[in-house]
Amino acid sequence: MNKALLGLLLFTSFLTFGQETEQEAKVPHSEIKVNAFNLIVFKSLDFSYEYLIDSESSIGISALINLQDKDDRDFLNSPYYNEKFAITPYYRRYFSSRYAWGFFLEAFGSYNVQDDNNEDYVYIAEIDTYDYVLSDETSSNVAFGIAVGGKFVTNKGFLFEIFGGVGRNIITSNNDVASEFVPRLGASLGWRF
């Protein structure tokens, strides 16, 4: 009787373990996203890939390319990024009972290349006027920071996330050009697969 009961318990535990593994295998673990906020507000392409480690954590990487031409920027009246380019790896921790869904905290690092945004007035004697002169200096930087946000995913895999945070440039190649802080902002649309 004891052997039969022990055999039944072992069989059920193996069966249950196999079902959990099968269910976990069906959960999508990858996401691709485009940051619509940066495209609309800052005229910057920002794509991300995120891998879901488990229901509470994920790792990912973002690539930002600033499409604004430096000469066409209106520094006083429109928003702009100093960053011409940025690669941002990140780790997220989710605080919800759903699988990688809802409120999250993010720790990120960033390698970014920044333009000099200083405008100088230069007197041009030939035409007796002042003109803007923009510097062509850049700075390569490494930043670390944190962000908070929320992610919402439909049953079919469409996702929307919103997040905001700030990082500090720790290593810079040109202190005259590099800003002290780097923003991490977004409202992204994507797909979980």
C-alpha atoms as a PDB file:
ATOM      1  CA  MET A   1       0.000   0.000   0.000  1.00  0.00           C
ATOM      2  CA  ASN A   2       2.783   2.413   0.931  1.00  0.00           C
ATOM      3  CA  LYS A   3       4.687   1.572  -2.266  1.00  0.00           C
ATOM      4  CA  ALA A   4       1.579   2.128  -4.382  1.00  0.00           C
ATOM      5  CA  LEU A   5       0.908   5.482  -2.671  1.00  0.00           C
ATOM      6  CA  LEU A   6       4.546   6.545  -3.059  1.00  0.00           C
ATOM      7  CA  GLY A   7       4.479   5.521  -6.730  1.00  0.00           C
ATOM      8  CA  LEU A   8       1.271   7.476  -7.312  1.00  0.00           C
ATOM      9  CA  LEU A   9       2.741  10.591  -5.635  1.00  0.00           C
ATOM     10  CA  LEU A  10       5.945  10.377  -7.702  1.00  0.00           C
ATOM     11  CA  PHE A  11       3.985   9.892 -10.922  1.00  0.00           C
ATOM     12  CA  THR A  12       1.746  12.914 -10.169  1.00  0.00           C
ATOM     13  CA  SER A  13       4.716  15.115  -9.274  1.00  0.00           C
ATOM     14  CA  PHE A  14       6.506  14.247 -12.529  1.00  0.00           C
ATOM     15  CA  LEU A  15       3.315  14.864 -14.478  1.00  0.00           C
ATOM     16  CA  THR A  16       2.763  18.229 -12.768  1.00  0.00           C
ATOM     17  CA  PHE A  17       6.404  19.256 -13.281  1.00  0.00           C
ATOM     18  CA  GLY A  18       6.149  18.407 -16.988  1.00  0.00           C
ATOM     19  CA  GLN A  19       2.977  20.477 -17.380  1.00  0.00           C
ATOM     20  CA  GLU A  20       4.525  23.549 -15.749  1.00  0.00           C
ATOM     21  CA  THR A  21       7.519  23.328 -18.048  1.00  0.00           C
ATOM     22  CA  GLU A  22       5.228  23.000 -21.075  1.00  0.00           C
ATOM     23  CA  GLN A  23       3.185  26.040 -19.987  1.00  0.00           C
ATOM     24  CA  GLU A  24       6.330  28.112 -19.385  1.00  0.00           C
ATOM     25  CA  ALA A  25       7.608  27.172 -22.845  1.00  0.00           C
ATOM     26  CA  LYS A  26       4.437  28.670 -24.376  1.00  0.00           C
ATOM     27  CA  VAL A  27       5.017  32.087 -22.780  1.00  0.00           C
ATOM     28  CA  PRO A  28       6.664  34.500 -25.234  1.00  0.00           C
ATOM     29  CA  HIS A  29      10.052  35.740 -24.046  1.00  0.00           C
ATOM     30  CA  SER A  30      10.970  38.401 -26.625  1.00  0.00           C
ATOM     31  CA  GLU A  31       9.753  41.914 -27.366  1.00  0.00           C
ATOM     32  CA  ILE A  32      10.584  44.449 -30.063  1.00  0.00           C
ATOM     33  CA  LYS A  33       9.545  48.074 -29.638  1.00  0.00           C
ATOM     34  CA  VAL A  34       9.775  51.499 -31.215  1.00  0.00           C
ATOM     35  CA  ASN A  35       9.695  54.613 -29.049  1.00  0.00           C
ATOM     36  CA  ALA A  36       6.955  56.743 -30.651  1.00  0.00           C
ATOM     37  CA  PHE A  37       7.474  59.564 -28.128  1.00  0.00           C
ATOM     38  CA  ASN A  38      11.093  60.175 -29.211  1.00  0.00           C
ATOM     39  CA  LEU A  39      10.148  59.977 -32.879  1.00  0.00           C
ATOM     40  CA  ILE A  40       7.372  62.560 -32.555  1.00  0.00           C
ATOM     41  CA  VAL A  41       8.807  64.977 -29.968  1.00  0.00           C
ATOM     42  CA  PHE A  42      12.576  64.749 -30.499  1.00  0.00           C
ATOM     43  CA  LYS A  43      12.763  63.514 -34.126  1.00  0.00           C
ATOM     44  CA  SER A  44      14.860  60.535 -32.995  1.00  0.00           C
ATOM     45  CA  LEU A  45      14.644  56.844 -33.891  1.00  0.00           C
ATOM     46  CA  ASP A  46      14.707  54.665 -30.780  1.00  0.00           C
ATOM     47  CA  PHE A  47      14.343  50.882 -31.159  1.00  0.00           C
ATOM     48  CA  SER A  48      14.474  48.291 -28.357  1.00  0.00           C
ATOM     49  CA  TYR A  49      14.734  44.557 -27.904  1.00  0.00           C
ATOM     50  CA  GLU A  50      13.803  43.055 -24.526  1.00  0.00           C
ATOM     51  CA  TYR A  51      14.214  39.466 -23.331  1.00  0.00           C
ATOM     52  CA  LEU A  52      11.896  38.342 -20.514  1.00  0.00           C
ATOM     53  CA  ILE A  53      13.932  36.275 -18.053  1.00  0.00           C
ATOM     54  CA  ASP A  54      10.911  35.342 -15.944  1.00  0.00           C
ATOM     55  CA  SER A  55       7.612  36.880 -14.818  1.00  0.00           C
ATOM     56  CA  GLU A  56       9.364  39.538 -12.723  1.00  0.00           C
ATOM     57  CA  SER A  57      12.529  40.502 -14.607  1.00  0.00           C
ATOM     58  CA  SER A  58      13.930  41.229 -18.042  1.00  0.00           C
ATOM     59  CA  ILE A  59      17.009  42.557 -19.808  1.00  0.00           C
ATOM     60  CA  GLY A  60      17.068  44.661 -22.945  1.00  0.00           C
ATOM     61  CA  ILE A  61      18.943  47.044 -25.172  1.00  0.00           C
ATOM     62  CA  SER A  62      17.897  50.265 -26.928  1.00  0.00           C
ATOM     63  CA  ALA A  63      19.512  52.135 -29.798  1.00  0.00           C
ATOM     64  CA  LEU A  64      18.768  55.840 -30.320  1.00  0.00           C
ATOM     65  CA  ILE A  65      19.719  57.774 -33.451  1.00  0.00           C
ATOM     66  CA  ASN A  66      19.024  61.510 -33.457  1.00  0.00           C
ATOM     67  CA  LEU A  67      17.653  62.589 -36.861  1.00  0.00           C
ATOM     68  CA  GLN A  68      17.737  66.332 -36.115  1.00  0.00           C
ATOM     69  CA  ASP A  69      20.295  68.205 -38.153  1.00  0.00           C
ATOM     70  CA  LYS A  70      22.323  70.302 -35.742  1.00  0.00           C
ATOM     71  CA  ASP A  71      22.125  73.379 -37.966  1.00  0.00           C
ATOM     72  CA  ASP A  72      18.299  73.158 -38.105  1.00  0.00           C
ATOM     73  CA  ARG A  73      17.738  72.919 -34.345  1.00  0.00           C
ATOM     74  CA  ASP A  74      15.982  75.770 -32.594  1.00  0.00           C
ATOM     75  CA  PHE A  75      17.605  75.452 -29.159  1.00  0.00           C
ATOM     76  CA  LEU A  76      15.378  78.043 -27.518  1.00  0.00           C
ATOM     77  CA  ASN A  77      11.924  77.007 -28.759  1.00  0.00           C
ATOM     78  CA  SER A  78      11.910  73.257 -29.415  1.00  0.00           C
ATOM     79  CA  PRO A  79      12.935  70.160 -27.470  1.00  0.00           C
ATOM     80  CA  TYR A  80      16.119  68.411 -28.535  1.00  0.00           C
ATOM     81  CA  TYR A  81      18.555  65.728 -27.432  1.00  0.00           C
ATOM     82  CA  ASN A  82      22.248  66.532 -27.154  1.00  0.00           C
ATOM     83  CA  GLU A  83      22.831  62.878 -27.992  1.00  0.00           C
ATOM     84  CA  LYS A  84      23.551  62.093 -31.632  1.00  0.00           C
ATOM     85  CA  PHE A  85      23.643  58.396 -30.848  1.00  0.00           C
ATOM     86  CA  ALA A  86      23.086  56.189 -27.780  1.00  0.00           C
ATOM     87  CA  ILE A  87      23.195  52.481 -26.949  1.00  0.00           C
ATOM     88  CA  THR A  88      21.393  51.692 -23.687  1.00  0.00           C
ATOM     89  CA  PRO A  89      21.399  48.244 -22.062  1.00  0.00           C
ATOM     90  CA  TYR A  90      18.931  47.893 -19.188  1.00  0.00           C
ATOM     91  CA  TYR A  91      17.523  45.572 -16.523  1.00  0.00           C
ATOM     92  CA  ARG A  92      13.869  45.777 -15.413  1.00  0.00           C
ATOM     93  CA  ARG A  93      12.072  44.438 -12.352  1.00  0.00           C
ATOM     94  CA  TYR A  94       8.263  44.128 -12.589  1.00  0.00           C
ATOM     95  CA  PHE A  95       5.868  44.419  -9.642  1.00  0.00           C
ATOM     96  CA  SER A  96       2.687  42.678 -10.801  1.00  0.00           C
ATOM     97  CA  SER A  97       1.088  39.256 -10.598  1.00  0.00           C
ATOM     98  CA  ARG A  98       0.926  39.156 -14.406  1.00  0.00           C
ATOM     99  CA  TYR A  99       3.851  38.017 -16.541  1.00  0.00           C
ATOM    100  CA  ALA A 100       6.240  41.006 -17.083  1.00  0.00           C
ATOM    101  CA  TRP A 101       3.368  43.458 -16.975  1.00  0.00           C
ATOM    102  CA  GLY A 102       2.543  46.660 -15.085  1.00  0.00           C
ATOM    103  CA  PHE A 103       4.755  48.893 -12.961  1.00  0.00           C
ATOM    104  CA  PHE A 104       8.529  48.414 -13.266  1.00  0.00           C
ATOM    105  CA  LEU A 105      11.832  49.830 -12.048  1.00  0.00           C
ATOM    106  CA  GLU A 106      14.747  49.996 -14.465  1.00  0.00           C
ATOM    107  CA  ALA A 107      18.501  50.299 -14.018  1.00  0.00           C
ATOM    108  CA  PHE A 108      20.352  51.279 -17.181  1.00  0.00           C
ATOM    109  CA  GLY A 109      23.750  52.092 -18.593  1.00  0.00           C
ATOM    110  CA  SER A 110      24.318  54.196 -21.669  1.00  0.00           C
ATOM    111  CA  TYR A 111      27.086  54.820 -24.154  1.00  0.00           C
ATOM    112  CA  ASN A 112      26.210  58.108 -25.857  1.00  0.00           C
ATOM    113  CA  VAL A 113      27.838  60.563 -28.237  1.00  0.00           C
ATOM    114  CA  GLN A 114      26.836  64.179 -27.694  1.00  0.00           C
ATOM    115  CA  ASP A 115      27.066  67.307 -29.839  1.00  0.00           C
ATOM    116  CA  ASP A 116      28.153  70.660 -28.528  1.00  0.00           C
ATOM    117  CA  ASN A 117      25.017  72.782 -28.264  1.00  0.00           C
ATOM    118  CA  ASN A 118      26.720  76.103 -27.543  1.00  0.00           C
ATOM    119  CA  GLU A 119      25.930  78.905 -29.928  1.00  0.00           C
ATOM    120  CA  ASP A 120      28.298  81.835 -30.168  1.00  0.00           C
ATOM    121  CA  TYR A 121      27.703  85.193 -31.776  1.00  0.00           C
ATOM    122  CA  VAL A 122      30.594  86.150 -34.020  1.00  0.00           C
ATOM    123  CA  TYR A 123      31.029  89.616 -35.485  1.00  0.00           C
ATOM    124  CA  ILE A 124      31.549  89.577 -39.260  1.00  0.00           C
ATOM    125  CA  ALA A 125      33.199  92.867 -40.193  1.00  0.00           C
ATOM    126  CA  GLU A 126      32.681  92.574 -43.971  1.00  0.00           C
ATOM    127  CA  ILE A 127      28.898  92.765 -43.623  1.00  0.00           C
ATOM    128  CA  ASP A 128      28.850  94.550 -40.244  1.00  0.00           C
ATOM    129  CA  THR A 129      26.651  92.016 -38.464  1.00  0.00           C
ATOM    130  CA  TYR A 130      26.700  89.198 -35.946  1.00  0.00           C
ATOM    131  CA  ASP A 131      26.119  85.597 -36.938  1.00  0.00           C
ATOM    132  CA  TYR A 132      25.593  82.320 -35.096  1.00  0.00           C
ATOM    133  CA  VAL A 133      28.485  79.886 -35.067  1.00  0.00           C
ATOM    134  CA  LEU A 134      27.870  76.326 -33.942  1.00  0.00           C
ATOM    135  CA  SER A 135      30.714  74.197 -32.632  1.00  0.00           C
ATOM    136  CA  ASP A 136      31.436  70.839 -34.256  1.00  0.00           C
ATOM    137  CA  GLU A 137      32.924  69.246 -31.138  1.00  0.00           C
ATOM    138  CA  THR A 138      31.541  65.975 -29.751  1.00  0.00           C
ATOM    139  CA  SER A 139      31.947  63.937 -26.583  1.00  0.00           C
ATOM    140  CA  SER A 140      31.744  60.172 -26.068  1.00  0.00           C
ATOM    141  CA  ASN A 141      30.213  59.364 -22.676  1.00  0.00           C
ATOM    142  CA  VAL A 142      29.209  56.517 -20.392  1.00  0.00           C
ATOM    143  CA  ALA A 143      26.209  57.078 -18.116  1.00  0.00           C
ATOM    144  CA  PHE A 144      24.342  55.118 -15.446  1.00  0.00           C
ATOM    145  CA  GLY A 145      20.809  55.794 -14.257  1.00  0.00           C
ATOM    146  CA  ILE A 146      17.363  54.651 -13.195  1.00  0.00           C
ATOM    147  CA  ALA A 147      13.879  54.876 -14.673  1.00  0.00           C
ATOM    148  CA  VAL A 148      10.323  53.953 -13.711  1.00  0.00           C
ATOM    149  CA  GLY A 149       7.420  53.035 -15.934  1.00  0.00           C
ATOM    150  CA  GLY A 150       4.533  50.781 -16.796  1.00  0.00           C
ATOM    151  CA  LYS A 151       3.964  48.141 -19.468  1.00  0.00           C
ATOM    152  CA  PHE A 152       0.633  46.853 -20.730  1.00  0.00           C
ATOM    153  CA  VAL A 153       0.298  43.837 -23.038  1.00  0.00           C
ATOM    154  CA  THR A 154      -2.785  42.467 -24.832  1.00  0.00           C
ATOM    155  CA  ASN A 155      -3.526  38.749 -25.128  1.00  0.00           C
ATOM    156  CA  LYS A 156      -2.401  38.869 -28.772  1.00  0.00           C
ATOM    157  CA  GLY A 157       1.016  40.332 -27.868  1.00  0.00           C
ATOM    158  CA  PHE A 158       0.599  44.030 -28.746  1.00  0.00           C
ATOM    159  CA  LEU A 159       2.226  46.160 -26.061  1.00  0.00           C
ATOM    160  CA  PHE A 160       2.389  49.754 -24.889  1.00  0.00           C
ATOM    161  CA  GLU A 161       4.850  51.075 -22.327  1.00  0.00           C
ATOM    162  CA  ILE A 162       5.596  54.460 -20.865  1.00  0.00           C
ATOM    163  CA  PHE A 163       8.705  55.283 -18.858  1.00  0.00           C
ATOM    164  CA  GLY A 164      10.894  58.118 -17.645  1.00  0.00           C
ATOM    165  CA  GLY A 165      14.192  58.426 -15.856  1.00  0.00           C
ATOM    166  CA  VAL A 166      17.559  60.097 -15.732  1.00  0.00           C
ATOM    167  CA  GLY A 167      21.186  59.054 -15.802  1.00  0.00           C
ATOM    168  CA  ARG A 168      24.449  60.805 -15.065  1.00  0.00           C
ATOM    169  CA  ASN A 169      27.433  60.825 -17.401  1.00  0.00           C
ATOM    170  CA  ILE A 170      30.214  59.260 -15.317  1.00  0.00           C
ATOM    171  CA  ILE A 171      32.917  59.054 -18.001  1.00  0.00           C
ATOM    172  CA  THR A 172      33.268  61.757 -20.671  1.00  0.00           C
ATOM    173  CA  SER A 173      35.828  62.361 -23.390  1.00  0.00           C
ATOM    174  CA  ASN A 174      35.210  66.135 -23.528  1.00  0.00           C
ATOM    175  CA  ASN A 175      33.972  67.862 -20.365  1.00  0.00           C
ATOM    176  CA  ASP A 176      33.338  71.103 -22.271  1.00  0.00           C
ATOM    177  CA  VAL A 177      30.742  69.385 -24.477  1.00  0.00           C
ATOM    178  CA  ALA A 178      29.206  66.622 -22.335  1.00  0.00           C
ATOM    179  CA  SER A 179      26.067  67.334 -20.373  1.00  0.00           C
ATOM    180  CA  GLU A 180      25.970  66.130 -16.788  1.00  0.00           C
ATOM    181  CA  PHE A 181      22.634  64.306 -17.115  1.00  0.00           C
ATOM    182  CA  VAL A 182      21.048  62.175 -19.847  1.00  0.00           C
ATOM    183  CA  PRO A 183      17.281  61.654 -20.105  1.00  0.00           C
ATOM    184  CA  ARG A 184      15.537  58.321 -20.595  1.00  0.00           C
ATOM    185  CA  LEU A 185      12.012  59.027 -21.824  1.00  0.00           C
ATOM    186  CA  GLY A 186       9.541  57.057 -23.843  1.00  0.00           C
ATOM    187  CA  ALA A 187       6.121  55.911 -24.887  1.00  0.00           C
ATOM    188  CA  SER A 188       6.794  52.751 -26.885  1.00  0.00           C
ATOM    189  CA  LEU A 189       4.654  50.502 -29.055  1.00  0.00           C
ATOM    190  CA  GLY A 190       5.706  46.962 -29.774  1.00  0.00           C
ATOM    191  CA  TRP A 191       5.101  43.261 -30.019  1.00  0.00           C
ATOM    192  CA  ARG A 192       5.727  40.375 -27.613  1.00  0.00           C
ATOM    193  CA  PHE A 193       6.551  37.117 -29.376  1.00  0.00           C
END
